[in-house]
Amino acid sequence: MTGPRPDAGAEWRPPHRTHLAQTLGRLQHGRLDPVHRVSDLVAWRTVRTPDGRTATLRVQAAGGALLAEAWGAAAESAVADAPDLLGGRDDPTGFVPGHPVLERAHRRFPGLRIARTGDVLGALVGATLEQRVTGEEAVRAWQVLHRALGDPAPGPAPAGMVTPPSPRAWQAAPEALWRRAGVDGRRVATVRTTASRADALARLLDRDAASAGEALRSLPGVGAWTAAEVRQRAFGDADAVSVGDFHLAAVVGHVLAGRRFTDAELVPFLEPWRPHRYRVARLLYASGWETAPPTAPKRPRSPRP
């Protein structure tokens, strides 16, 4: 691949088989995500460090190795963090599928790892934009806001890619932009509040994921679902359960137990899979179970004569 020479690069041989799309695909917000472009053989990601430096990272699969190259002021940092991003801290040892559907998925997707971005603010913004809206609405909001507030991506990034906005940019985004992105006032307030605490959020990476999740829930507008989503994305937590998700309880119950669950039923049902409860969800998603089939409508009662 031609283009400007990278500012940093390294080859990494992961201890477990790692598939780029299966590992990083859920970080991508739509096909034209301005900060993620993921395929089976190559993945692009733009980053902004807490001190404001930016970079474009490219990861390519080469046999059993992964080649990470980066451009920009934060290139060395992006390359150094690439193993974590690619699931280097994710250890599936001890995971017992315990169900035919999970056993098939575990065999079918041996390269699925849990990514760790290390970007708490970015994960929190993404999860906040997904609150109480459809997936399509959340994707559109993410793309509109990043294209307007991000900076041009360094290096030979694919067309349309930009860097994540700075905390100051999130706080200063005009009301007209939020309206154009379809983001209501409550979510706007949450994004602005969390952006104002970006330095404190970055320090949460020094904690374990569970403790960080409790700290996140102390923020206005951040509940159990949002905190779990951040733990999954920023911390690579293979055990975080998105309680309150619109589909998860129904999917798990339908596929693994033959009936839809409520959230109250979901948590005790998943307990035997601890500390791999999010891995269970990821395997179901990878198998095509993003939503449970709709329940059959009731037949209308015949009118009385």
C-alpha atoms as a PDB file:
ATOM      1  CA  MET A   1       0.000   0.000   0.000  1.00  0.00           C
ATOM      2  CA  THR A   2       1.520   3.328  -1.070  1.00  0.00           C
ATOM      3  CA  GLY A   3       1.347   6.582   0.825  1.00  0.00           C
ATOM      4  CA  PRO A   4       3.354   8.632   3.300  1.00  0.00           C
ATOM      5  CA  ARG A   5       5.687   6.684   5.524  1.00  0.00           C
ATOM      6  CA  PRO A   6       4.175   5.996   8.961  1.00  0.00           C
ATOM      7  CA  ASP A   7       5.505   7.850  11.982  1.00  0.00           C
ATOM      8  CA  ALA A   8       5.446   4.649  14.050  1.00  0.00           C
ATOM      9  CA  GLY A   9       4.885   0.968  13.446  1.00  0.00           C
ATOM     10  CA  ALA A  10       5.167  -2.438  15.061  1.00  0.00           C
ATOM     11  CA  GLU A  11       4.229  -6.039  14.406  1.00  0.00           C
ATOM     12  CA  TRP A  12       2.339  -7.962  17.086  1.00  0.00           C
ATOM     13  CA  ARG A  13       1.634 -11.673  17.336  1.00  0.00           C
ATOM     14  CA  PRO A  14      -1.369 -12.089  19.626  1.00  0.00           C
ATOM     15  CA  PRO A  15      -1.479 -15.020  22.041  1.00  0.00           C
ATOM     16  CA  HIS A  16      -4.934 -15.950  20.771  1.00  0.00           C
ATOM     17  CA  ARG A  17      -6.303 -15.960  17.249  1.00  0.00           C
ATOM     18  CA  THR A  18      -7.600 -12.463  16.493  1.00  0.00           C
ATOM     19  CA  HIS A  19     -10.012 -11.516  13.719  1.00  0.00           C
ATOM     20  CA  LEU A  20     -10.113  -7.786  12.968  1.00  0.00           C
ATOM     21  CA  ALA A  21     -13.758  -7.398  11.968  1.00  0.00           C
ATOM     22  CA  GLN A  22     -15.075  -9.695  14.696  1.00  0.00           C
ATOM     23  CA  THR A  23     -13.029  -7.874  17.324  1.00  0.00           C
ATOM     24  CA  LEU A  24     -13.385  -4.246  16.232  1.00  0.00           C
ATOM     25  CA  GLY A  25     -16.629  -4.306  14.259  1.00  0.00           C
ATOM     26  CA  ARG A  26     -18.856  -3.293  17.168  1.00  0.00           C
ATOM     27  CA  LEU A  27     -16.829  -0.112  17.670  1.00  0.00           C
ATOM     28  CA  GLN A  28     -17.852   1.117  14.219  1.00  0.00           C
ATOM     29  CA  HIS A  29     -20.860   3.426  14.041  1.00  0.00           C
ATOM     30  CA  GLY A  30     -22.178   2.694  10.565  1.00  0.00           C
ATOM     31  CA  ARG A  31     -20.394   1.947   7.307  1.00  0.00           C
ATOM     32  CA  LEU A  32     -19.070   5.521   6.974  1.00  0.00           C
ATOM     33  CA  ASP A  33     -18.033   6.053  10.586  1.00  0.00           C
ATOM     34  CA  PRO A  34     -15.618   9.029  10.612  1.00  0.00           C
ATOM     35  CA  VAL A  35     -13.347   7.431  13.244  1.00  0.00           C
ATOM     36  CA  HIS A  36     -13.564   3.676  12.499  1.00  0.00           C
ATOM     37  CA  ARG A  37     -13.358   1.701   9.258  1.00  0.00           C
ATOM     38  CA  VAL A  38     -13.140  -2.048   9.795  1.00  0.00           C
ATOM     39  CA  SER A  39     -12.891  -5.015   7.445  1.00  0.00           C
ATOM     40  CA  ASP A  40     -11.593  -8.569   7.736  1.00  0.00           C
ATOM     41  CA  LEU A  41      -8.042  -7.684   6.688  1.00  0.00           C
ATOM     42  CA  VAL A  42      -7.538  -4.012   7.561  1.00  0.00           C
ATOM     43  CA  ALA A  43      -8.875  -1.629  10.199  1.00  0.00           C
ATOM     44  CA  TRP A  44      -8.511   2.136  10.511  1.00  0.00           C
ATOM     45  CA  ARG A  45      -9.060   4.151  13.688  1.00  0.00           C
ATOM     46  CA  THR A  46      -8.369   7.765  14.607  1.00  0.00           C
ATOM     47  CA  VAL A  47      -7.455   8.694  18.162  1.00  0.00           C
ATOM     48  CA  ARG A  48      -7.052  11.749  20.366  1.00  0.00           C
ATOM     49  CA  THR A  49      -4.967  11.393  23.524  1.00  0.00           C
ATOM     50  CA  PRO A  50      -5.948  13.131  26.790  1.00  0.00           C
ATOM     51  CA  ASP A  51      -3.244  15.752  26.140  1.00  0.00           C
ATOM     52  CA  GLY A  52      -4.779  16.605  22.754  1.00  0.00           C
ATOM     53  CA  ARG A  53      -2.431  14.827  20.339  1.00  0.00           C
ATOM     54  CA  THR A  54      -4.031  12.962  17.427  1.00  0.00           C
ATOM     55  CA  ALA A  55      -3.164  10.047  15.180  1.00  0.00           C
ATOM     56  CA  THR A  56      -4.511   7.726  12.528  1.00  0.00           C
ATOM     57  CA  LEU A  57      -3.922   4.027  13.194  1.00  0.00           C
ATOM     58  CA  ARG A  58      -3.986   1.307  10.536  1.00  0.00           C
ATOM     59  CA  VAL A  59      -3.910  -2.374  11.484  1.00  0.00           C
ATOM     60  CA  GLN A  60      -3.420  -5.065   8.851  1.00  0.00           C
ATOM     61  CA  ALA A  61      -3.701  -8.811   9.240  1.00  0.00           C
ATOM     62  CA  ALA A  62      -0.650 -10.649   7.906  1.00  0.00           C
ATOM     63  CA  GLY A  63      -0.882 -14.363   8.548  1.00  0.00           C
ATOM     64  CA  GLY A  64      -0.773 -14.896  12.298  1.00  0.00           C
ATOM     65  CA  ALA A  65       0.612 -11.396  12.900  1.00  0.00           C
ATOM     66  CA  LEU A  66      -0.994  -7.957  13.029  1.00  0.00           C
ATOM     67  CA  LEU A  67       0.902  -4.967  11.640  1.00  0.00           C
ATOM     68  CA  ALA A  68       0.096  -1.645  13.318  1.00  0.00           C
ATOM     69  CA  GLU A  69       1.170   1.627  11.661  1.00  0.00           C
ATOM     70  CA  ALA A  70       0.247   5.168  12.639  1.00  0.00           C
ATOM     71  CA  TRP A  71       0.582   8.770  11.463  1.00  0.00           C
ATOM     72  CA  GLY A  72       0.390  11.963  13.503  1.00  0.00           C
ATOM     73  CA  ALA A  73       1.701  13.429  16.755  1.00  0.00           C
ATOM     74  CA  ALA A  74       0.238  10.539  18.786  1.00  0.00           C
ATOM     75  CA  ALA A  75       1.488   7.816  16.417  1.00  0.00           C
ATOM     76  CA  GLU A  76       3.780   6.103  18.910  1.00  0.00           C
ATOM     77  CA  SER A  77       1.050   6.074  21.551  1.00  0.00           C
ATOM     78  CA  ALA A  78      -1.489   4.654  19.084  1.00  0.00           C
ATOM     79  CA  VAL A  79       0.863   1.835  18.069  1.00  0.00           C
ATOM     80  CA  ALA A  80       1.758   1.063  21.688  1.00  0.00           C
ATOM     81  CA  ASP A  81      -1.947   0.805  22.572  1.00  0.00           C
ATOM     82  CA  ALA A  82      -2.810  -1.344  19.539  1.00  0.00           C
ATOM     83  CA  PRO A  83      -2.460  -4.715  21.320  1.00  0.00           C
ATOM     84  CA  ASP A  84      -5.015  -3.627  23.953  1.00  0.00           C
ATOM     85  CA  LEU A  85      -7.319  -2.357  21.207  1.00  0.00           C
ATOM     86  CA  LEU A  86      -7.068  -5.738  19.508  1.00  0.00           C
ATOM     87  CA  GLY A  87      -7.974  -7.704  22.613  1.00  0.00           C
ATOM     88  CA  GLY A  88      -4.498  -8.324  23.972  1.00  0.00           C
ATOM     89  CA  ARG A  89      -5.806  -8.169  27.527  1.00  0.00           C
ATOM     90  CA  ASP A  90      -8.811 -10.340  26.744  1.00  0.00           C
ATOM     91  CA  ASP A  91      -8.283 -13.866  28.022  1.00  0.00           C
ATOM     92  CA  PRO A  92     -10.957 -16.385  27.000  1.00  0.00           C
ATOM     93  CA  THR A  93      -9.324 -19.078  29.125  1.00  0.00           C
ATOM     94  CA  GLY A  94     -11.906 -20.650  31.365  1.00  0.00           C
ATOM     95  CA  PHE A  95     -14.873 -19.748  29.195  1.00  0.00           C
ATOM     96  CA  VAL A  96     -17.206 -22.744  28.985  1.00  0.00           C
ATOM     97  CA  PRO A  97     -20.004 -22.198  26.422  1.00  0.00           C
ATOM     98  CA  GLY A  98     -22.347 -24.643  28.148  1.00  0.00           C
ATOM     99  CA  HIS A  99     -25.033 -24.376  25.467  1.00  0.00           C
ATOM    100  CA  PRO A 100     -25.129 -25.779  21.912  1.00  0.00           C
ATOM    101  CA  VAL A 101     -25.695 -22.335  20.368  1.00  0.00           C
ATOM    102  CA  LEU A 102     -22.721 -20.865  22.220  1.00  0.00           C
ATOM    103  CA  GLU A 103     -20.567 -23.896  21.487  1.00  0.00           C
ATOM    104  CA  ARG A 104     -21.203 -23.496  17.755  1.00  0.00           C
ATOM    105  CA  ALA A 105     -20.538 -19.754  17.903  1.00  0.00           C
ATOM    106  CA  HIS A 106     -17.341 -20.233  19.903  1.00  0.00           C
ATOM    107  CA  ARG A 107     -16.046 -22.651  17.255  1.00  0.00           C
ATOM    108  CA  ARG A 108     -17.241 -20.474  14.381  1.00  0.00           C
ATOM    109  CA  PHE A 109     -15.688 -17.229  15.683  1.00  0.00           C
ATOM    110  CA  PRO A 110     -12.388 -18.235  17.317  1.00  0.00           C
ATOM    111  CA  GLY A 111     -10.886 -14.820  16.522  1.00  0.00           C
ATOM    112  CA  LEU A 112     -13.490 -12.788  18.397  1.00  0.00           C
ATOM    113  CA  ARG A 113     -11.744 -10.800  21.126  1.00  0.00           C
ATOM    114  CA  ILE A 114     -13.031  -8.056  23.428  1.00  0.00           C
ATOM    115  CA  ALA A 115     -11.426  -4.769  22.346  1.00  0.00           C
ATOM    116  CA  ARG A 116     -10.146  -2.198  24.843  1.00  0.00           C
ATOM    117  CA  THR A 117     -10.026   1.313  23.382  1.00  0.00           C
ATOM    118  CA  GLY A 118      -8.841   3.142  26.498  1.00  0.00           C
ATOM    119  CA  ASP A 119     -10.995   6.094  25.386  1.00  0.00           C
ATOM    120  CA  VAL A 120     -13.471   6.624  28.225  1.00  0.00           C
ATOM    121  CA  LEU A 121     -14.853   9.921  26.935  1.00  0.00           C
ATOM    122  CA  GLY A 122     -15.364   8.558  23.419  1.00  0.00           C
ATOM    123  CA  ALA A 123     -17.119   5.453  24.723  1.00  0.00           C
ATOM    124  CA  LEU A 124     -19.285   7.563  27.013  1.00  0.00           C
ATOM    125  CA  VAL A 125     -20.283   9.921  24.202  1.00  0.00           C
ATOM    126  CA  GLY A 126     -21.141   6.987  21.952  1.00  0.00           C
ATOM    127  CA  ALA A 127     -23.244   5.253  24.603  1.00  0.00           C
ATOM    128  CA  THR A 128     -25.003   8.501  25.509  1.00  0.00           C
ATOM    129  CA  LEU A 129     -25.983   9.123  21.887  1.00  0.00           C
ATOM    130  CA  GLU A 130     -27.480   5.605  21.814  1.00  0.00           C
ATOM    131  CA  GLN A 131     -29.759   6.202  24.806  1.00  0.00           C
ATOM    132  CA  ARG A 132     -33.484   5.803  24.069  1.00  0.00           C
ATOM    133  CA  VAL A 133     -33.170   6.002  20.260  1.00  0.00           C
ATOM    134  CA  THR A 134     -32.958   3.567  17.375  1.00  0.00           C
ATOM    135  CA  GLY A 135     -29.617   2.344  16.098  1.00  0.00           C
ATOM    136  CA  GLU A 136     -30.055   4.330  12.890  1.00  0.00           C
ATOM    137  CA  GLU A 137     -30.667   7.551  14.824  1.00  0.00           C
ATOM    138  CA  ALA A 138     -27.601   6.974  17.005  1.00  0.00           C
ATOM    139  CA  VAL A 139     -25.375   6.274  13.991  1.00  0.00           C
ATOM    140  CA  ARG A 140     -26.550   9.422  12.247  1.00  0.00           C
ATOM    141  CA  ALA A 141     -25.946  11.561  15.351  1.00  0.00           C
ATOM    142  CA  TRP A 142     -22.440  10.135  15.808  1.00  0.00           C
ATOM    143  CA  GLN A 143     -21.486  10.783  12.203  1.00  0.00           C
ATOM    144  CA  VAL A 144     -22.975  14.280  11.976  1.00  0.00           C
ATOM    145  CA  LEU A 145     -21.327  15.432  15.204  1.00  0.00           C
ATOM    146  CA  HIS A 146     -17.902  13.968  14.462  1.00  0.00           C
ATOM    147  CA  ARG A 147     -17.766  15.380  10.934  1.00  0.00           C
ATOM    148  CA  ALA A 148     -18.630  18.826  12.286  1.00  0.00           C
ATOM    149  CA  LEU A 149     -16.419  18.828  15.391  1.00  0.00           C
ATOM    150  CA  GLY A 150     -13.462  16.576  14.518  1.00  0.00           C
ATOM    151  CA  ASP A 151     -10.178  17.582  12.897  1.00  0.00           C
ATOM    152  CA  PRO A 152      -8.802  16.144   9.622  1.00  0.00           C
ATOM    153  CA  ALA A 153      -7.273  12.711  10.146  1.00  0.00           C
ATOM    154  CA  PRO A 154      -3.456  12.599   9.854  1.00  0.00           C
ATOM    155  CA  GLY A 155      -1.836  10.457   7.202  1.00  0.00           C
ATOM    156  CA  PRO A 156      -3.471   8.415   4.440  1.00  0.00           C
ATOM    157  CA  ALA A 157      -6.793   7.821   6.173  1.00  0.00           C
ATOM    158  CA  PRO A 158      -9.797   6.798   4.073  1.00  0.00           C
ATOM    159  CA  ALA A 159     -11.889   9.668   2.728  1.00  0.00           C
ATOM    160  CA  GLY A 160     -14.221  11.207   5.280  1.00  0.00           C
ATOM    161  CA  MET A 161     -12.297  10.185   8.385  1.00  0.00           C
ATOM    162  CA  VAL A 162     -11.651  12.746  11.121  1.00  0.00           C
ATOM    163  CA  THR A 163     -10.201  12.646  14.617  1.00  0.00           C
ATOM    164  CA  PRO A 164     -12.438  12.446  17.698  1.00  0.00           C
ATOM    165  CA  PRO A 165     -13.504  15.925  18.843  1.00  0.00           C
ATOM    166  CA  SER A 166     -11.670  17.500  21.758  1.00  0.00           C
ATOM    167  CA  PRO A 167     -13.466  17.872  25.103  1.00  0.00           C
ATOM    168  CA  ARG A 168     -13.639  21.615  24.470  1.00  0.00           C
ATOM    169  CA  ALA A 169     -15.295  21.011  21.082  1.00  0.00           C
ATOM    170  CA  TRP A 170     -17.974  18.819  22.682  1.00  0.00           C
ATOM    171  CA  GLN A 171     -18.694  21.501  25.265  1.00  0.00           C
ATOM    172  CA  ALA A 172     -18.825  24.329  22.711  1.00  0.00           C
ATOM    173  CA  ALA A 173     -20.915  22.576  20.066  1.00  0.00           C
ATOM    174  CA  PRO A 174     -23.770  24.938  19.095  1.00  0.00           C
ATOM    175  CA  GLU A 175     -27.406  24.107  19.731  1.00  0.00           C
ATOM    176  CA  ALA A 176     -28.143  24.150  16.003  1.00  0.00           C
ATOM    177  CA  LEU A 177     -25.675  21.296  15.471  1.00  0.00           C
ATOM    178  CA  TRP A 178     -27.239  19.187  18.219  1.00  0.00           C
ATOM    179  CA  ARG A 179     -30.672  19.736  16.663  1.00  0.00           C
ATOM    180  CA  ARG A 180     -29.375  18.797  13.222  1.00  0.00           C
ATOM    181  CA  ALA A 181     -27.941  15.603  14.714  1.00  0.00           C
ATOM    182  CA  GLY A 182     -31.281  14.830  16.383  1.00  0.00           C
ATOM    183  CA  VAL A 183     -29.920  14.828  19.943  1.00  0.00           C
ATOM    184  CA  ASP A 184     -32.327  15.912  22.678  1.00  0.00           C
ATOM    185  CA  GLY A 185     -31.441  18.281  25.500  1.00  0.00           C
ATOM    186  CA  ARG A 186     -30.989  15.588  28.124  1.00  0.00           C
ATOM    187  CA  ARG A 187     -28.329  13.755  26.125  1.00  0.00           C
ATOM    188  CA  VAL A 188     -26.678  17.051  25.166  1.00  0.00           C
ATOM    189  CA  ALA A 189     -26.350  17.913  28.855  1.00  0.00           C
ATOM    190  CA  THR A 190     -24.827  14.508  29.593  1.00  0.00           C
ATOM    191  CA  VAL A 191     -22.231  14.845  26.825  1.00  0.00           C
ATOM    192  CA  ARG A 192     -21.296  18.360  27.911  1.00  0.00           C
ATOM    193  CA  THR A 193     -20.993  17.346  31.559  1.00  0.00           C
ATOM    194  CA  THR A 194     -18.840  14.323  30.817  1.00  0.00           C
ATOM    195  CA  ALA A 195     -16.649  16.307  28.416  1.00  0.00           C
ATOM    196  CA  SER A 196     -16.027  18.863  31.166  1.00  0.00           C
ATOM    197  CA  ARG A 197     -14.615  16.000  33.276  1.00  0.00           C
ATOM    198  CA  ALA A 198     -12.452  14.448  30.568  1.00  0.00           C
ATOM    199  CA  ASP A 199      -9.282  14.429  32.684  1.00  0.00           C
ATOM    200  CA  ALA A 200     -11.020  12.624  35.544  1.00  0.00           C
ATOM    201  CA  LEU A 201     -12.545  10.140  33.104  1.00  0.00           C
ATOM    202  CA  ALA A 202      -9.100   9.323  31.694  1.00  0.00           C
ATOM    203  CA  ARG A 203      -7.855   8.579  35.215  1.00  0.00           C
ATOM    204  CA  LEU A 204     -10.550   5.929  35.609  1.00  0.00           C
ATOM    205  CA  LEU A 205      -8.400   3.651  33.447  1.00  0.00           C
ATOM    206  CA  ASP A 206      -6.188   3.195  36.509  1.00  0.00           C
ATOM    207  CA  ARG A 207      -9.093   1.446  38.251  1.00  0.00           C
ATOM    208  CA  ASP A 208     -10.611  -1.948  37.624  1.00  0.00           C
ATOM    209  CA  ALA A 209     -13.638  -1.911  35.325  1.00  0.00           C
ATOM    210  CA  ALA A 210     -16.205  -2.567  38.065  1.00  0.00           C
ATOM    211  CA  SER A 211     -14.951   0.305  40.233  1.00  0.00           C
ATOM    212  CA  ALA A 212     -14.820   2.601  37.218  1.00  0.00           C
ATOM    213  CA  GLY A 213     -18.389   1.642  36.372  1.00  0.00           C
ATOM    214  CA  GLU A 214     -19.563   2.742  39.816  1.00  0.00           C
ATOM    215  CA  ALA A 215     -17.782   6.069  39.376  1.00  0.00           C
ATOM    216  CA  LEU A 216     -19.390   6.560  35.979  1.00  0.00           C
ATOM    217  CA  ARG A 217     -22.855   6.009  37.434  1.00  0.00           C
ATOM    218  CA  SER A 218     -22.318   8.991  39.721  1.00  0.00           C
ATOM    219  CA  LEU A 219     -22.408  11.265  36.669  1.00  0.00           C
ATOM    220  CA  PRO A 220     -25.737  12.865  35.701  1.00  0.00           C
ATOM    221  CA  GLY A 221     -27.387  10.965  32.848  1.00  0.00           C
ATOM    222  CA  VAL A 222     -25.231   7.847  33.244  1.00  0.00           C
ATOM    223  CA  GLY A 223     -27.130   4.772  34.386  1.00  0.00           C
ATOM    224  CA  ALA A 224     -26.395   1.074  34.576  1.00  0.00           C
ATOM    225  CA  TRP A 225     -26.755   0.486  30.822  1.00  0.00           C
ATOM    226  CA  THR A 226     -24.490   3.358  29.808  1.00  0.00           C
ATOM    227  CA  ALA A 227     -21.838   2.456  32.381  1.00  0.00           C
ATOM    228  CA  ALA A 228     -21.812  -1.165  31.180  1.00  0.00           C
ATOM    229  CA  GLU A 229     -21.406  -0.079  27.562  1.00  0.00           C
ATOM    230  CA  VAL A 230     -18.413   2.082  28.523  1.00  0.00           C
ATOM    231  CA  ARG A 231     -16.873  -0.786  30.487  1.00  0.00           C
ATOM    232  CA  GLN A 232     -17.179  -3.004  27.432  1.00  0.00           C
ATOM    233  CA  ARG A 233     -15.675  -0.544  24.967  1.00  0.00           C
ATOM    234  CA  ALA A 234     -13.124   1.499  26.908  1.00  0.00           C
ATOM    235  CA  PHE A 235     -12.048  -1.147  29.435  1.00  0.00           C
ATOM    236  CA  GLY A 236     -12.492  -4.318  27.379  1.00  0.00           C
ATOM    237  CA  ASP A 237     -14.616  -5.807  30.160  1.00  0.00           C
ATOM    238  CA  ALA A 238     -15.748  -9.271  29.025  1.00  0.00           C
ATOM    239  CA  ASP A 239     -18.192  -9.494  31.938  1.00  0.00           C
ATOM    240  CA  ALA A 240     -20.132  -6.208  31.762  1.00  0.00           C
ATOM    241  CA  VAL A 241     -23.857  -6.851  31.236  1.00  0.00           C
ATOM    242  CA  SER A 242     -25.909  -4.110  29.543  1.00  0.00           C
ATOM    243  CA  VAL A 243     -28.896  -4.350  31.865  1.00  0.00           C
ATOM    244  CA  GLY A 244     -31.691  -2.258  30.397  1.00  0.00           C
ATOM    245  CA  ASP A 245     -30.732  -2.925  26.785  1.00  0.00           C
ATOM    246  CA  PHE A 246     -33.729  -2.870  24.460  1.00  0.00           C
ATOM    247  CA  HIS A 247     -32.906  -6.292  22.958  1.00  0.00           C
ATOM    248  CA  LEU A 248     -30.409  -8.193  25.132  1.00  0.00           C
ATOM    249  CA  ALA A 249     -32.771  -9.837  27.625  1.00  0.00           C
ATOM    250  CA  ALA A 250     -35.155 -10.921  24.873  1.00  0.00           C
ATOM    251  CA  VAL A 251     -32.323 -12.324  22.731  1.00  0.00           C
ATOM    252  CA  VAL A 252     -30.634 -14.249  25.547  1.00  0.00           C
ATOM    253  CA  GLY A 253     -33.904 -15.670  26.781  1.00  0.00           C
ATOM    254  CA  HIS A 254     -35.189 -16.603  23.332  1.00  0.00           C
ATOM    255  CA  VAL A 255     -31.961 -18.225  22.112  1.00  0.00           C
ATOM    256  CA  LEU A 256     -30.674 -19.882  25.273  1.00  0.00           C
ATOM    257  CA  ALA A 257     -33.873 -20.635  27.197  1.00  0.00           C
ATOM    258  CA  GLY A 258     -36.652 -20.732  24.624  1.00  0.00           C
ATOM    259  CA  ARG A 259     -38.556 -17.727  25.970  1.00  0.00           C
ATOM    260  CA  ARG A 260     -38.069 -13.996  26.281  1.00  0.00           C
ATOM    261  CA  PHE A 261     -36.563 -12.707  29.508  1.00  0.00           C
ATOM    262  CA  THR A 262     -37.087  -9.539  31.457  1.00  0.00           C
ATOM    263  CA  ASP A 263     -34.016  -7.723  32.780  1.00  0.00           C
ATOM    264  CA  ALA A 264     -34.767  -9.154  36.218  1.00  0.00           C
ATOM    265  CA  GLU A 265     -34.496 -12.662  34.760  1.00  0.00           C
ATOM    266  CA  LEU A 266     -31.453 -11.912  32.603  1.00  0.00           C
ATOM    267  CA  VAL A 267     -28.948 -11.228  35.378  1.00  0.00           C
ATOM    268  CA  PRO A 268     -29.376 -14.460  37.400  1.00  0.00           C
ATOM    269  CA  PHE A 269     -29.570 -16.521  34.197  1.00  0.00           C
ATOM    270  CA  LEU A 270     -26.167 -15.233  33.040  1.00  0.00           C
ATOM    271  CA  GLU A 271     -24.508 -15.765  36.424  1.00  0.00           C
ATOM    272  CA  PRO A 272     -22.958 -19.184  35.528  1.00  0.00           C
ATOM    273  CA  TRP A 273     -20.980 -17.496  32.736  1.00  0.00           C
ATOM    274  CA  ARG A 274     -19.277 -14.943  35.008  1.00  0.00           C
ATOM    275  CA  PRO A 275     -16.661 -13.476  34.232  1.00  0.00           C
ATOM    276  CA  HIS A 276     -17.572 -13.890  30.551  1.00  0.00           C
ATOM    277  CA  ARG A 277     -21.162 -12.620  30.479  1.00  0.00           C
ATOM    278  CA  TYR A 278     -20.490  -9.969  27.836  1.00  0.00           C
ATOM    279  CA  ARG A 279     -18.668 -12.593  25.787  1.00  0.00           C
ATOM    280  CA  VAL A 280     -21.927 -14.560  25.729  1.00  0.00           C
ATOM    281  CA  ALA A 281     -23.714 -11.527  24.301  1.00  0.00           C
ATOM    282  CA  ARG A 282     -20.973 -10.933  21.716  1.00  0.00           C
ATOM    283  CA  LEU A 283     -21.161 -14.535  20.513  1.00  0.00           C
ATOM    284  CA  LEU A 284     -24.927 -14.236  20.119  1.00  0.00           C
ATOM    285  CA  TYR A 285     -24.563 -10.953  18.229  1.00  0.00           C
ATOM    286  CA  ALA A 286     -21.889 -12.439  15.967  1.00  0.00           C
ATOM    287  CA  SER A 287     -24.249 -15.326  15.216  1.00  0.00           C
ATOM    288  CA  GLY A 288     -26.856 -12.895  13.908  1.00  0.00           C
ATOM    289  CA  TRP A 289     -28.993 -12.569  17.022  1.00  0.00           C
ATOM    290  CA  GLU A 290     -29.099  -8.779  17.268  1.00  0.00           C
ATOM    291  CA  THR A 291     -32.806  -8.928  18.030  1.00  0.00           C
ATOM    292  CA  ALA A 292     -35.227 -11.653  19.031  1.00  0.00           C
ATOM    293  CA  PRO A 293     -37.946 -12.621  16.539  1.00  0.00           C
ATOM    294  CA  PRO A 294     -41.224 -10.765  17.104  1.00  0.00           C
ATOM    295  CA  THR A 295     -43.810 -12.631  19.076  1.00  0.00           C
ATOM    296  CA  ALA A 296     -46.684 -14.015  17.064  1.00  0.00           C
ATOM    297  CA  PRO A 297     -49.650 -11.639  17.063  1.00  0.00           C
ATOM    298  CA  LYS A 298     -52.764 -12.840  18.796  1.00  0.00           C
ATOM    299  CA  ARG A 299     -55.574 -13.917  16.513  1.00  0.00           C
ATOM    300  CA  PRO A 300     -58.508 -11.511  16.681  1.00  0.00           C
ATOM    301  CA  ARG A 301     -61.441 -12.844  18.582  1.00  0.00           C
ATOM    302  CA  SER A 302     -64.397 -13.728  16.362  1.00  0.00           C
ATOM    303  CA  PRO A 303     -67.324 -11.387  16.841  1.00  0.00           C
ATOM    304  CA  ARG A 304     -70.244 -12.829  18.705  1.00  0.00           C
ATOM    305  CA  PRO A 305     -73.389 -13.409  16.696  1.00  0.00           C
END
